[in-house]
Every structure is written in structure tokens, then in C-alpha cells.
Amino acid sequence: MSKFLAILWLLFLWAAPLSAKDNPVVAKVGPYTLTRADFEREVEGNPQLKALITVKPEMKKILLERWVEVNLLALGGKEAGLEKDPEVRAQIEEQIRLILAQNFYRKKVLSGLKVTEGEAQQYYLKHKKDYSLPERIQARHILIRVPEKASPKEEAAARAQIEKIRRQILAGADFAKMARQYSQDPGTKEKGGDLGLFSRGQMIPEFEEAVFKLKVGELSPPIRTRFGYHLVRVEARVPAQVQPYEKVKEQVKKDLLEEKKTERLSALLSRLRKKYPVELHPENLP
């Protein structure tokens, strides 16, 4: 059995017994029953599994077989008295705590949690700066590479080549054509050196520092970076701007929802910490 199937094999261990005319049984092992509703609930709660079944519907039968196997082994474990084994008991208790925690979180934190349109708009107005786009530049570049451990001769040759290309462009040569002909950057060469739009923090510092000083249409002097020598021409500048609410509305709602979750969880944990003693001893960690 592959590792992936072994994981899937465990997904239906805790199926609850249900029965109804519109909820037929799809598998049964001893006292354990798996209904169609159980199966659908597990699939809906696992996006990865749902996507897999969508692509490979035959996985449904494989999952049923794994469900049968895991329950057969569970019955075998009961018969062998493993529930009394201290190590097994500790594992069971850990799973019980996890299930209780997950369900308590859903009930006390997620239940009824929603964001209204009015709340989202107010949140946006208070956090406009979080939905702003920084100044961006559109530029083209030509790169002449310099080996990492270049000799003085190699360094001088690369510098001479980039300066020659620069003189040709200043004399009227088309930048994009020169990039396609000479640039040694495979990612932009065929696009005429087009780097697209970028903001501060997206390029290496020495490149960025030089480029953001350029005016639109201005050709840079040779810029030395760890990759070699660059020529850059700024095609356009897009000033910093706050995105309109309608464009970022869904993200605003997600952000506010997360903030509400955090606030609810923080209040809940604070109340629980007052009720139940907590001790931390990080000095005892390995």
C-alpha cells in the first residue's frame, strides 16, 4: 500500500452509525456502519480528497476497501485487548482531546461567525493602508553575465560589452531588439528584456536602488550586480494607490473574519486559563 493510500485508509475510522431511506449504508463491518452521508461528509471536509475523487472516481471503491480494512484491524485490536495497553490508551486519550478541542473551537469560535457588508466597509476605511499598492515600475533590462569568480579580463570584457550596447541604444538602436540580440537573461531575452511591473523589495537591492532613481524613458548607466552588468530603461511608473473597496472587498471580508476569529479565540483561551491552571517549563525541552 502506498503512503498516500495509507493516509486515506484512516479517514473513515470514526464514521458514526446513521440510517435512513435517503441515507443508505455503503459499507458495514461488524458493529461499524458507514452510510452515504458519512462518506460525503468526510469527502466534503477534505478538499484534497474531494479533488482526487473528482479526477479519479474509482477512488471511492478504494476508500471503501480501506474503511473495511481499518475497521477489521480495529476489531482485531479490541479482541487482542489493546485498549488496556498503556501506550494505546495514551494515544486514544490524545485523539479524544484533539476531537474535543476541534469541536469546541467550531462551536465557540466559528459558530455564527460572519461579516456584514457594513462591517467590511468600516474595516476597509480604518485599514486603507493595508489595501494600497506601492509605487511600481515597468522596465526593460539587458544583462551581460559575469562569472562568479571572474578574472579581471572577464570583468573588463563584460563591462566593455555593456558599454558598447549602451552607446548603440543612445545612438538610436531599439532597446527591445538589442535585448533579444544580446541579453543573457533567458527569462526576459525573448520578451525584449521586459521585466513587467515590480515594486520595491522584489528585486535585488543594488539593482532596485539604481532603477528607482531613473525617470521614465531614461537609460541607466551599467549596473553591477552579482549576476553581471545590466542596462535598464524605465518604461512607466505607476504611483502608489489605494485599491478601491469593490476591488478588494472579498479580501477585506476574509481579513475581518480572521480578526474576529482571533478575538473570539483569545477571549475564550483567556477565560479557560483562569479556570484551569497552566504550567510551562520550556527549560525542560530537549
Protein backbone atom coordinates (compact mmCIF):
# COMPACT_ATOMS: atom_id res chain seq x y z
CA MET A 1 0.00 0.00 0.00
CA SER A 2 1.38 3.43 -0.92
CA LYS A 3 1.97 6.02 1.79
CA PHE A 4 -0.81 8.19 0.31
CA LEU A 5 -3.34 5.38 0.35
CA ALA A 6 -2.29 4.55 3.88
CA ILE A 7 -3.29 8.09 4.89
CA LEU A 8 -6.60 7.81 3.07
CA TRP A 9 -7.11 4.47 4.79
CA LEU A 10 -7.50 6.26 8.13
CA LEU A 11 -10.00 8.89 7.03
CA PHE A 12 -13.15 6.90 7.76
CA LEU A 13 -12.22 5.27 11.05
CA TRP A 14 -14.64 7.35 13.12
CA ALA A 15 -17.78 7.02 10.97
CA ALA A 16 -20.92 7.38 13.06
CA PRO A 17 -23.79 4.92 12.58
CA LEU A 18 -26.69 6.53 10.67
CA SER A 19 -29.54 5.01 8.73
CA ALA A 20 -32.47 6.35 6.71
CA LYS A 21 -34.13 5.74 3.39
CA ASP A 22 -32.26 8.64 1.81
CA ASN A 23 -29.05 7.66 3.55
CA PRO A 24 -28.24 4.09 2.51
CA VAL A 25 -25.45 2.01 4.02
CA VAL A 26 -22.39 1.79 1.77
CA ALA A 27 -20.26 -0.48 3.97
CA LYS A 28 -20.56 -2.47 7.18
CA VAL A 29 -18.03 -4.31 9.34
CA GLY A 30 -19.32 -5.96 12.48
CA PRO A 31 -20.88 -3.21 14.64
CA TYR A 32 -19.49 -0.44 12.45
CA THR A 33 -21.59 1.16 9.70
CA LEU A 34 -20.64 3.65 7.02
CA THR A 35 -23.50 5.46 5.31
CA ARG A 36 -23.54 7.59 2.21
CA ALA A 37 -23.90 10.69 4.41
CA ASP A 38 -20.81 9.67 6.41
CA PHE A 39 -18.84 9.24 3.21
CA GLU A 40 -20.00 12.55 1.74
CA ARG A 41 -19.27 14.40 4.98
CA GLU A 42 -15.70 13.13 5.08
CA VAL A 43 -15.12 13.95 1.42
CA GLU A 44 -16.58 17.46 1.73
CA GLY A 45 -14.39 18.13 4.74
CA ASN A 46 -11.23 17.20 2.86
CA PRO A 47 -10.60 19.39 -0.24
CA GLN A 48 -7.59 17.31 -1.31
CA LEU A 49 -9.60 14.10 -1.16
CA LYS A 50 -12.56 15.73 -2.94
CA ALA A 51 -10.31 16.89 -5.78
CA LEU A 52 -8.79 13.42 -6.07
CA ILE A 53 -12.18 11.74 -6.32
CA THR A 54 -13.31 14.28 -8.91
CA VAL A 55 -10.38 13.32 -11.10
CA LYS A 56 -10.45 9.62 -10.25
CA PRO A 57 -13.98 8.47 -9.31
CA GLU A 58 -12.66 4.91 -8.91
CA MET A 59 -11.01 6.09 -5.67
CA LYS A 60 -14.44 5.79 -3.98
CA LYS A 61 -14.27 1.98 -4.11
CA ILE A 62 -10.66 2.02 -2.93
CA LEU A 63 -11.64 4.17 0.05
CA LEU A 64 -14.45 1.77 0.94
CA GLU A 65 -11.97 -1.10 0.89
CA ARG A 66 -9.62 0.86 3.15
CA TRP A 67 -12.51 1.64 5.52
CA VAL A 68 -13.27 -2.08 5.75
CA GLU A 69 -9.61 -2.90 6.40
CA VAL A 70 -9.16 -0.31 9.14
CA ASN A 71 -12.30 -1.45 10.95
CA LEU A 72 -11.31 -5.10 10.69
CA LEU A 73 -7.98 -4.20 12.26
CA ALA A 74 -9.76 -2.13 14.91
CA LEU A 75 -11.91 -5.13 15.85
CA GLY A 76 -8.79 -7.26 15.93
CA GLY A 77 -7.16 -4.74 18.25
CA LYS A 78 -10.15 -4.84 20.60
CA GLU A 79 -10.12 -8.62 20.58
CA ALA A 80 -6.43 -8.54 21.49
CA GLY A 81 -7.16 -6.23 24.44
CA LEU A 82 -5.07 -3.36 23.12
CA GLU A 83 -7.41 -0.83 24.70
CA LYS A 84 -5.85 -1.75 28.04
CA ASP A 85 -2.29 -1.22 26.80
CA PRO A 86 -0.93 1.98 28.47
CA GLU A 87 0.68 3.25 25.26
CA VAL A 88 -2.50 2.66 23.27
CA ARG A 89 -4.61 4.28 25.99
CA ALA A 90 -2.37 7.37 25.84
CA GLN A 91 -2.84 7.56 22.06
CA ILE A 92 -6.61 7.21 22.41
CA GLU A 93 -6.71 9.94 25.06
CA GLU A 94 -4.67 12.22 22.82
CA GLN A 95 -7.13 11.70 19.96
CA ILE A 96 -10.07 12.34 22.29
CA ARG A 97 -8.51 15.63 23.43
CA LEU A 98 -7.92 16.64 19.83
CA ILE A 99 -11.50 15.85 18.79
CA LEU A 100 -12.90 17.72 21.80
CA ALA A 101 -10.69 20.73 21.08
CA GLN A 102 -11.66 20.84 17.39
CA ASN A 103 -15.37 20.61 18.09
CA PHE A 104 -15.23 23.09 20.97
CA TYR A 105 -13.38 25.53 18.70
CA ARG A 106 -16.02 25.13 15.99
CA LYS A 107 -18.84 25.63 18.49
CA LYS A 108 -17.42 28.56 20.48
CA VAL A 109 -15.30 30.37 17.88
CA LEU A 110 -16.59 29.57 14.38
CA SER A 111 -20.30 29.11 15.06
CA GLY A 112 -22.31 32.10 13.87
CA LEU A 113 -19.20 33.98 12.83
CA LYS A 114 -19.91 36.29 9.90
CA VAL A 115 -19.06 39.67 8.43
CA THR A 116 -21.74 42.07 7.23
CA GLU A 117 -21.26 44.43 4.31
CA GLY A 118 -21.38 47.40 6.66
CA GLU A 119 -18.70 45.92 8.93
CA ALA A 120 -16.48 45.20 5.95
CA GLN A 121 -16.77 48.78 4.68
CA GLN A 122 -15.93 50.21 8.10
CA TYR A 123 -12.95 47.85 8.40
CA TYR A 124 -11.72 48.94 4.96
CA LEU A 125 -11.92 52.63 5.89
CA LYS A 126 -9.89 52.00 9.06
CA HIS A 127 -7.27 49.87 7.29
CA LYS A 128 -6.98 51.55 3.89
CA LYS A 129 -3.21 51.49 4.01
CA ASP A 130 -3.32 47.68 4.13
CA TYR A 131 -5.04 47.65 0.74
CA SER A 132 -2.75 50.10 -1.01
CA LEU A 133 -0.39 49.22 -3.82
CA PRO A 134 3.14 50.66 -3.55
CA GLU A 135 4.78 52.60 -6.33
CA ARG A 136 5.61 50.28 -9.20
CA ILE A 137 7.91 50.49 -12.17
CA GLN A 138 7.76 48.86 -15.56
CA ALA A 139 11.21 48.43 -17.04
CA ARG A 140 13.31 46.55 -19.57
CA HIS A 141 16.83 45.33 -18.99
CA ILE A 142 19.78 43.80 -20.79
CA LEU A 143 22.11 41.55 -18.83
CA ILE A 144 25.69 40.64 -19.69
CA ARG A 145 26.69 37.95 -17.25
CA VAL A 146 29.94 37.91 -15.29
CA PRO A 147 31.09 34.54 -13.86
CA GLU A 148 31.09 34.29 -10.06
CA LYS A 149 34.88 34.05 -9.89
CA ALA A 150 35.62 36.13 -12.95
CA SER A 151 39.15 37.15 -13.81
CA PRO A 152 39.93 40.87 -14.28
CA LYS A 153 40.00 40.19 -18.03
CA GLU A 154 36.49 38.65 -17.97
CA GLU A 155 35.19 41.51 -15.85
CA ALA A 156 36.62 44.10 -18.23
CA ALA A 157 35.22 42.29 -21.29
CA ALA A 158 31.68 42.23 -19.82
CA ARG A 159 31.94 45.91 -18.89
CA ALA A 160 33.15 46.83 -22.36
CA GLN A 161 30.29 44.90 -24.00
CA ILE A 162 27.57 46.52 -21.89
CA GLU A 163 29.02 49.99 -22.53
CA LYS A 164 29.09 49.30 -26.28
CA ILE A 165 25.43 48.23 -26.19
CA ARG A 166 24.60 51.37 -24.23
CA ARG A 167 26.25 53.62 -26.80
CA GLN A 168 24.28 51.94 -29.57
CA ILE A 169 20.99 52.47 -27.75
CA LEU A 170 21.84 56.14 -27.06
CA ALA A 171 22.58 56.47 -30.77
CA GLY A 172 19.07 55.25 -31.60
CA ALA A 173 19.14 51.43 -31.52
CA ASP A 174 15.89 49.83 -30.37
CA PHE A 175 16.24 48.64 -26.76
CA ALA A 176 13.95 45.62 -27.16
CA LYS A 177 15.78 44.42 -30.28
CA MET A 178 19.14 44.84 -28.55
CA ALA A 179 17.84 42.84 -25.57
CA ARG A 180 16.69 40.00 -27.82
CA GLN A 181 20.06 40.00 -29.54
CA TYR A 182 22.48 40.43 -26.65
CA SER A 183 20.83 39.89 -23.26
CA GLN A 184 21.96 36.82 -21.34
CA ASP A 185 18.87 36.68 -19.13
CA PRO A 186 16.85 33.73 -20.50
CA GLY A 187 13.74 34.79 -18.58
CA THR A 188 13.37 38.16 -20.36
CA LYS A 189 15.52 37.92 -23.50
CA GLU A 190 12.72 36.85 -25.86
CA LYS A 191 10.42 39.49 -24.36
CA GLY A 192 12.79 42.27 -25.31
CA GLY A 193 14.09 42.48 -21.76
CA ASP A 194 10.65 43.27 -20.32
CA LEU A 195 10.63 42.89 -16.53
CA GLY A 196 6.96 43.79 -16.19
CA LEU A 197 5.71 45.79 -13.20
CA PHE A 198 7.60 45.50 -9.92
CA SER A 199 7.74 47.35 -6.62
CA ARG A 200 10.45 47.88 -4.06
CA GLY A 201 11.56 44.69 -2.36
CA GLN A 202 11.06 42.46 -5.40
CA MET A 203 14.49 42.91 -6.96
CA ILE A 204 17.98 42.57 -5.54
CA PRO A 205 18.92 45.73 -3.57
CA GLU A 206 21.70 47.11 -5.79
CA PHE A 207 19.52 46.73 -8.91
CA GLU A 208 16.47 48.21 -7.25
CA GLU A 209 18.34 51.17 -5.76
CA ALA A 210 19.60 52.23 -9.17
CA VAL A 211 16.40 51.60 -11.11
CA PHE A 212 14.04 53.51 -8.81
CA LYS A 213 16.18 56.63 -9.30
CA LEU A 214 15.56 56.62 -13.06
CA LYS A 215 13.00 58.76 -14.85
CA VAL A 216 10.57 57.33 -17.40
CA GLY A 217 12.46 56.80 -20.68
CA GLU A 218 15.86 57.23 -19.05
CA LEU A 219 18.61 54.71 -19.81
CA SER A 220 20.69 53.67 -16.83
CA PRO A 221 24.46 53.51 -16.69
CA PRO A 222 25.82 49.95 -16.34
CA ILE A 223 24.55 48.48 -13.05
CA ARG A 224 26.77 45.83 -11.47
CA THR A 225 25.06 43.06 -9.51
CA ARG A 226 26.11 39.55 -8.56
CA PHE A 227 24.73 38.41 -11.92
CA GLY A 228 26.78 40.76 -14.04
CA TYR A 229 26.15 44.09 -15.77
CA HIS A 230 22.66 45.43 -16.51
CA LEU A 231 21.32 48.18 -18.67
CA VAL A 232 17.85 49.32 -17.64
CA ARG A 233 15.29 51.62 -19.20
CA VAL A 234 12.18 52.60 -17.26
CA GLU A 235 9.08 52.33 -19.44
CA ALA A 236 6.49 53.58 -16.95
CA ARG A 237 5.88 54.48 -13.33
CA VAL A 238 2.66 53.66 -11.52
CA PRO A 239 2.28 55.79 -8.36
CA ALA A 240 1.27 54.29 -5.06
CA GLN A 241 -2.50 54.00 -4.81
CA VAL A 242 -5.23 52.72 -2.52
CA GLN A 243 -7.26 49.99 -4.21
CA PRO A 244 -11.00 50.75 -4.32
CA TYR A 245 -13.21 48.83 -1.92
CA GLU A 246 -15.06 46.95 -4.65
CA LYS A 247 -11.79 45.52 -5.94
CA VAL A 248 -10.61 44.22 -2.56
CA LYS A 249 -13.99 43.58 -0.91
CA GLU A 250 -13.58 39.80 -0.66
CA GLN A 251 -10.10 40.12 0.85
CA VAL A 252 -11.39 42.71 3.33
CA LYS A 253 -14.12 40.31 4.46
CA LYS A 254 -11.59 37.49 4.87
CA ASP A 255 -9.27 39.72 6.89
CA LEU A 256 -12.06 40.92 9.16
CA LEU A 257 -13.31 37.37 9.63
CA GLU A 258 -9.82 36.29 10.68
CA GLU A 259 -9.64 39.20 13.11
CA LYS A 260 -12.97 38.18 14.64
CA LYS A 261 -11.76 34.58 14.96
CA THR A 262 -8.61 35.74 16.70
CA GLU A 263 -10.55 37.94 19.12
CA ARG A 264 -13.03 35.19 19.98
CA LEU A 265 -10.29 32.61 20.44
CA SER A 266 -8.20 34.97 22.57
CA ALA A 267 -11.16 35.72 24.86
CA LEU A 268 -12.04 32.03 25.12
CA LEU A 269 -8.50 30.97 25.96
CA SER A 270 -8.19 33.78 28.50
CA ARG A 271 -11.33 32.55 30.28
CA LEU A 272 -10.12 28.93 30.20
CA ARG A 273 -6.67 29.86 31.54
CA LYS A 274 -8.33 31.47 34.58
CA LYS A 275 -10.33 28.32 35.19
CA TYR A 276 -7.66 25.68 34.57
CA PRO A 277 -4.09 26.01 35.91
CA VAL A 278 -1.39 26.14 33.23
CA GLU A 279 2.31 25.49 33.81
CA LEU A 280 5.05 25.92 31.24
CA HIS A 281 8.61 24.64 31.70
CA PRO A 282 10.48 25.41 28.46
CA GLU A 283 13.76 24.81 30.27
CA ASN A 284 12.93 21.11 30.28
CA LEU A 285 12.62 20.89 26.50
CA PRO A 286 15.32 18.82 24.79
